[in-house]
Every structure is written in structure tokens, then in C-alpha cells.
Amino acid sequence: MDKNKIRESSKAISSKIEVEEYSEALGTLNPILDKKVKFYKLDKLGLELGRNNLKEKEKFLRFLDQVIDYDAMGGYVIASKSMIPFLDENLDTVMKKSREYILKGNVWHVCDNISERSIGQGLVDHFEKTLPWLDKFLSSGEPWLQRSTGVAIHFYTKRVRDDPEGIEKLLELIEPYLEVKSKDSVKGLGWGLKTMGRYYPDVLIPFLKELRKSGRDVSRIIWRKALTYFDEKKKPK
């Protein structure tokens, strides 16, 4: 699937969405979903679709619901990436749909694909507005949503290298939830801390030292991931 194919597919699908011919639109997309296509190409198609349908939000979301119902791995990638152009004007809608699709997918790769796209990009582009959504995800007690928060933090930390204050806010956000027991929650939160350790060690080390002193029952998985990039001298005792 080259650039021309991506552009042609997006135009063909978008023209069907505009007149609410959702089955025909999905029929155009299905051959792409039914075969292995590299994620970066699916991402390009998703962005193209989102940009082409900014003025057709409600129609486009109805189409995305059908893409998700088709339950192909590539469909989650396309759907999540396609919502990114809507973040500027419709962040709450994007977060609600991301939450809905994660819970519906109910598997780790769905959670991670969406969290690294629409949710993670929301955190990068609209940090303060996205924080309350991450708080909702954490406090929900849903393992996939808690995992999603960790994955989104991982994405943010990779993309934004000069925001120690933001990292401190993220640590403050997740701190109450570091005793969760669900493996899915633990792996996601640990992943976020691991990436912080790589890019913001000077922020993470004091946090971990205080956490260690507290004696809280934090998962070994979280500790192991958080300490991945530290040598023995820097690891909190």
C-alpha cells in the first residue's frame, strides 16, 4: 500500500461516509484489514481519513464504530490514529471513544495501540486537558484503562524530553495506584515508569526513594521496570 493507494482509499471511503453509506465504506476498507499491512502505513491511512472527515464528525464516528465491530487488529490502529485530527476541537469525544474501544477490544494489543495513538497524542498536544481523563481511567479500577494510562505516559515521555514539571505531575497522578494487583495494570504503569527512568532519571530517582521509604506494597514488576535503566549505585535502597 503506497502513498497513492492510501490517498485513493481514503477518498473512496470518505465519499461513502459523507452520504452515510457505511457498509460500502467498510467494504472498501476490509481488504486492507484482512491482510497484514505495516502499522506505519495504517497510521498514514488513519490520519488521512481523520483529516478528510473533520467536518463530518458524527458520521465519521459511526463509521469508526463499525470498523471496531469488525474486530481486526489494523482497525484499532486506523481508528485510533484517525481520531488524532479531532483532538484540538473534540478532545473529550476522542477520550470517550478511546475508552470505549479499549474496553470493547478487551485485549492488550488493542489497549496499547490506542493508548500510544489517540490518548498518548492527546497528552502530548493537550497535557492539562488530558490529565483529568487519565485520572478517570486510573480511578475506574478497570485494568485496561489503568494500563492505558501507563502506556500513554510512556508515549508522552518518549516524545517530550524537556518537561520535568510535567513528569512530576504524572508521577503525582499515578502514585496512589502503584499498589494495584492486576498484571495488566501493573505492566502498563511499570512501562510508563521505565521510560521515565530512561529520559528523566533525575526526576524519577527521588520519587522512587520516597516510595521505597514508605514501605508500600508495590508490585515487583513495577519496581523492576522502573529500575531498568539505573545502575546499582543509583537504585534506591
Protein backbone atom coordinates (compact mmCIF):
# COMPACT_ATOMS: atom_id res chain seq x y z
CA MET A 1 0.00 0.00 0.00
CA ASP A 2 1.88 3.06 -1.26
CA LYS A 3 1.07 6.76 -0.85
CA ASN A 4 -1.23 6.80 -3.86
CA LYS A 5 -3.16 3.78 -2.62
CA ILE A 6 -3.54 5.36 0.80
CA ARG A 7 -4.82 8.59 -0.73
CA GLU A 8 -7.19 6.81 -3.09
CA SER A 9 -8.55 4.55 -0.36
CA SER A 10 -9.12 7.48 1.96
CA LYS A 11 -11.00 9.44 -0.70
CA ALA A 12 -13.14 6.45 -1.64
CA ILE A 13 -14.01 5.68 1.99
CA SER A 14 -14.66 9.32 2.83
CA SER A 15 -17.02 9.77 -0.10
CA LYS A 16 -19.11 6.87 1.20
CA ILE A 17 -19.11 8.21 4.75
CA GLU A 18 -20.34 11.60 3.54
CA VAL A 19 -23.52 10.02 2.15
CA GLU A 20 -23.78 7.61 5.11
CA GLU A 21 -23.12 4.50 3.06
CA TYR A 22 -21.25 2.86 5.90
CA SER A 23 -21.38 -0.70 4.63
CA GLU A 24 -19.83 0.38 1.33
CA ALA A 25 -17.20 2.42 3.17
CA LEU A 26 -16.30 -0.58 5.32
CA GLY A 27 -16.28 -2.78 2.22
CA THR A 28 -13.59 -0.55 0.76
CA LEU A 29 -11.53 -0.80 3.95
CA ASN A 30 -11.98 -4.53 4.59
CA PRO A 31 -9.42 -5.76 2.02
CA ILE A 32 -6.82 -3.69 3.84
CA LEU A 33 -7.88 -5.02 7.25
CA ASP A 34 -7.91 -8.60 6.02
CA LYS A 35 -4.21 -8.72 5.21
CA LYS A 36 -1.01 -7.85 7.00
CA VAL A 37 -0.13 -4.20 6.47
CA LYS A 38 2.66 -2.44 8.34
CA PHE A 39 1.40 -0.24 11.12
CA TYR A 40 3.08 2.91 9.80
CA LYS A 41 1.01 2.60 6.63
CA LEU A 42 -2.18 2.05 8.63
CA ASP A 43 -1.25 5.14 10.64
CA LYS A 44 -0.95 7.19 7.46
CA LEU A 45 -4.32 5.96 6.26
CA GLY A 46 -5.87 6.73 9.63
CA LEU A 47 -4.56 10.28 9.67
CA GLU A 48 -5.68 10.83 6.09
CA LEU A 49 -9.18 9.60 6.95
CA GLY A 50 -9.38 11.78 10.03
CA ARG A 51 -8.30 14.90 8.18
CA ASN A 52 -10.73 14.22 5.35
CA ASN A 53 -13.66 13.89 7.73
CA LEU A 54 -13.16 16.71 10.22
CA LYS A 55 -16.41 18.32 9.07
CA GLU A 56 -18.30 15.04 9.31
CA LYS A 57 -17.56 14.13 12.92
CA GLU A 58 -20.78 12.30 13.80
CA LYS A 59 -20.89 10.39 10.53
CA PHE A 60 -17.22 9.53 10.85
CA LEU A 61 -17.63 8.23 14.40
CA ARG A 62 -20.49 6.00 13.30
CA PHE A 63 -18.16 4.59 10.67
CA LEU A 64 -15.40 4.04 13.22
CA ASP A 65 -17.82 2.11 15.41
CA GLN A 66 -18.32 -0.29 12.52
CA VAL A 67 -14.57 -0.55 11.97
CA ILE A 68 -14.17 -1.53 15.61
CA ASP A 69 -17.03 -4.03 15.37
CA TYR A 70 -15.13 -5.71 12.52
CA ASP A 71 -12.52 -6.53 15.19
CA ALA A 72 -9.37 -6.56 13.05
CA MET A 73 -6.10 -5.53 14.70
CA GLY A 74 -5.43 -2.99 11.97
CA GLY A 75 -8.87 -1.49 12.50
CA TYR A 76 -7.96 -0.39 16.02
CA VAL A 77 -4.78 1.22 14.70
CA ILE A 78 -6.62 3.09 11.96
CA ALA A 79 -9.50 4.15 14.20
CA SER A 80 -7.25 5.49 16.96
CA LYS A 81 -4.91 7.30 14.59
CA SER A 82 -7.84 8.78 12.68
CA MET A 83 -9.15 10.46 15.84
CA ILE A 84 -5.96 12.47 16.38
CA PRO A 85 -7.01 15.31 14.00
CA PHE A 86 -10.13 15.72 16.16
CA LEU A 87 -8.18 16.35 19.37
CA ASP A 88 -7.94 20.13 19.00
CA GLU A 89 -11.70 20.69 18.92
CA ASN A 90 -13.12 17.46 20.33
CA LEU A 91 -10.70 16.09 22.92
CA ASP A 92 -13.42 14.83 25.26
CA THR A 93 -15.08 12.92 22.44
CA VAL A 94 -11.77 11.34 21.43
CA MET A 95 -11.08 10.24 25.01
CA LYS A 96 -14.57 8.79 25.41
CA LYS A 97 -14.31 6.82 22.18
CA SER A 98 -10.79 5.66 23.03
CA ARG A 99 -12.06 4.40 26.36
CA GLU A 100 -14.99 2.67 24.69
CA TYR A 101 -12.82 0.96 22.09
CA ILE A 102 -10.24 -0.20 24.64
CA LEU A 103 -12.89 -1.84 26.80
CA LYS A 104 -14.59 -3.37 23.80
CA GLY A 105 -11.34 -4.77 22.43
CA ASN A 106 -10.54 -6.32 25.82
CA VAL A 107 -7.01 -7.42 24.91
CA TRP A 108 -3.56 -5.96 25.48
CA HIS A 109 -2.72 -5.04 21.89
CA VAL A 110 -5.94 -3.05 21.49
CA CYS A 111 -5.20 -1.17 24.70
CA ASP A 112 -1.61 -0.42 23.70
CA ASN A 113 -2.35 0.56 20.10
CA ILE A 114 -5.00 3.05 21.15
CA SER A 115 -3.06 4.37 24.15
CA GLU A 116 0.02 5.11 22.04
CA ARG A 117 -2.07 6.98 19.50
CA SER A 118 -5.16 8.99 20.38
CA ILE A 119 -4.63 9.05 24.17
CA GLY A 120 -0.86 9.49 24.09
CA GLN A 121 -1.04 12.20 21.44
CA GLY A 122 -3.74 13.91 23.48
CA LEU A 123 -1.32 14.06 26.39
CA VAL A 124 1.42 15.46 24.15
CA ASP A 125 -0.75 18.11 22.47
CA HIS A 126 -3.15 18.97 25.32
CA PHE A 127 -1.42 17.95 28.54
CA GLU A 128 -3.59 19.75 31.09
CA LYS A 129 -6.87 18.80 29.42
CA THR A 130 -5.88 15.14 29.13
CA LEU A 131 -4.70 14.72 32.74
CA PRO A 132 -8.26 14.57 34.17
CA TRP A 133 -9.07 11.80 31.71
CA LEU A 134 -6.07 9.79 32.84
CA ASP A 135 -7.23 10.32 36.42
CA LYS A 136 -10.64 8.93 35.45
CA PHE A 137 -9.03 5.93 33.81
CA LEU A 138 -6.96 5.19 36.89
CA SER A 139 -9.77 5.66 39.39
CA SER A 140 -12.13 3.48 37.35
CA GLY A 141 -10.38 0.36 38.61
CA GLU A 142 -10.55 -1.10 35.10
CA PRO A 143 -7.22 -2.85 34.44
CA TRP A 144 -7.19 -1.96 30.73
CA LEU A 145 -7.78 1.72 31.47
CA GLN A 146 -5.11 1.74 34.16
CA ARG A 147 -2.73 0.06 31.73
CA SER A 148 -3.73 2.63 29.11
CA THR A 149 -2.61 5.45 31.39
CA GLY A 150 0.83 3.90 31.77
CA VAL A 151 1.19 3.39 28.03
CA ALA A 152 0.11 6.98 27.32
CA ILE A 153 2.69 8.21 29.84
CA HIS A 154 5.31 6.10 28.10
CA PHE A 155 4.40 7.74 24.78
CA TYR A 156 4.48 11.24 26.28
CA THR A 157 7.85 10.67 27.94
CA LYS A 158 9.36 9.49 24.64
CA ARG A 159 8.04 12.47 22.73
CA VAL A 160 8.56 15.30 25.22
CA ARG A 161 12.13 15.48 26.52
CA ASP A 162 12.12 18.88 28.26
CA ASP A 163 9.22 18.83 30.71
CA PRO A 164 10.35 17.73 34.19
CA GLU A 165 7.38 19.54 35.75
CA GLY A 166 5.02 17.53 33.56
CA ILE A 167 6.74 14.30 34.60
CA GLU A 168 6.33 15.28 38.26
CA LYS A 169 2.61 15.82 37.66
CA LEU A 170 2.34 12.40 36.02
CA LEU A 171 4.12 10.77 38.95
CA GLU A 172 1.76 12.51 41.34
CA LEU A 173 -1.15 11.22 39.26
CA ILE A 174 -0.14 7.55 39.31
CA GLU A 175 1.32 7.43 42.83
CA PRO A 176 -1.95 6.44 44.57
CA TYR A 177 -2.35 3.46 42.22
CA LEU A 178 1.06 1.82 42.47
CA GLU A 179 -0.26 -0.92 44.73
CA VAL A 180 -2.67 -2.28 42.13
CA LYS A 181 -2.55 -6.05 41.69
CA SER A 182 -3.84 -6.63 38.16
CA LYS A 183 -0.96 -7.72 35.94
CA ASP A 184 -2.29 -5.64 33.06
CA SER A 185 -2.42 -2.51 35.22
CA VAL A 186 1.00 -3.21 36.67
CA LYS A 187 2.65 -3.78 33.29
CA GLY A 188 1.27 -0.54 31.88
CA LEU A 189 2.21 1.62 34.85
CA GLY A 190 5.61 -0.04 35.01
CA TRP A 191 6.15 0.70 31.34
CA GLY A 192 5.49 4.39 31.94
CA LEU A 193 7.96 4.46 34.84
CA LYS A 194 10.55 2.57 32.81
CA THR A 195 10.52 5.22 30.09
CA MET A 196 10.73 7.97 32.70
CA GLY A 197 13.83 6.26 34.05
CA ARG A 198 15.42 6.45 30.63
CA TYR A 199 14.67 10.09 29.84
CA TYR A 200 14.03 11.70 33.25
CA PRO A 201 16.18 9.81 35.77
CA ASP A 202 16.77 12.91 37.91
CA VAL A 203 13.01 13.27 38.41
CA LEU A 204 12.25 9.59 38.92
CA ILE A 205 15.02 8.67 41.38
CA PRO A 206 13.83 10.95 44.24
CA PHE A 207 10.28 9.71 43.67
CA LEU A 208 11.38 6.08 43.91
CA LYS A 209 13.43 6.73 47.02
CA GLU A 210 10.43 8.18 48.81
CA LEU A 211 8.28 5.32 47.57
CA ARG A 212 10.78 2.80 48.93
CA LYS A 213 10.86 4.54 52.30
CA SER A 214 7.08 4.40 52.52
CA GLY A 215 7.16 0.60 52.70
CA ARG A 216 4.14 0.32 50.43
CA ASP A 217 3.32 -2.99 48.79
CA VAL A 218 4.34 -2.05 45.25
CA SER A 219 4.48 -4.85 42.68
CA ARG A 220 7.90 -6.31 41.91
CA ILE A 221 7.08 -5.87 38.24
CA ILE A 222 6.66 -2.13 38.71
CA TRP A 223 9.93 -1.91 40.63
CA ARG A 224 11.81 -3.96 38.07
CA LYS A 225 10.56 -1.88 35.16
CA ALA A 226 11.12 1.42 36.94
CA LEU A 227 14.76 0.49 37.68
CA THR A 228 15.58 -0.86 34.22
CA TYR A 229 17.95 1.95 33.21
CA PHE A 230 19.63 2.55 36.59
CA ASP A 231 22.94 1.05 37.63
CA GLU A 232 23.35 -0.36 41.14
CA LYS A 233 24.72 2.90 42.55
CA LYS A 234 21.62 4.87 41.58
CA LYS A 235 18.98 2.33 42.56
CA PRO A 236 17.05 3.37 45.68
CA LYS A 237 17.76 1.06 48.61
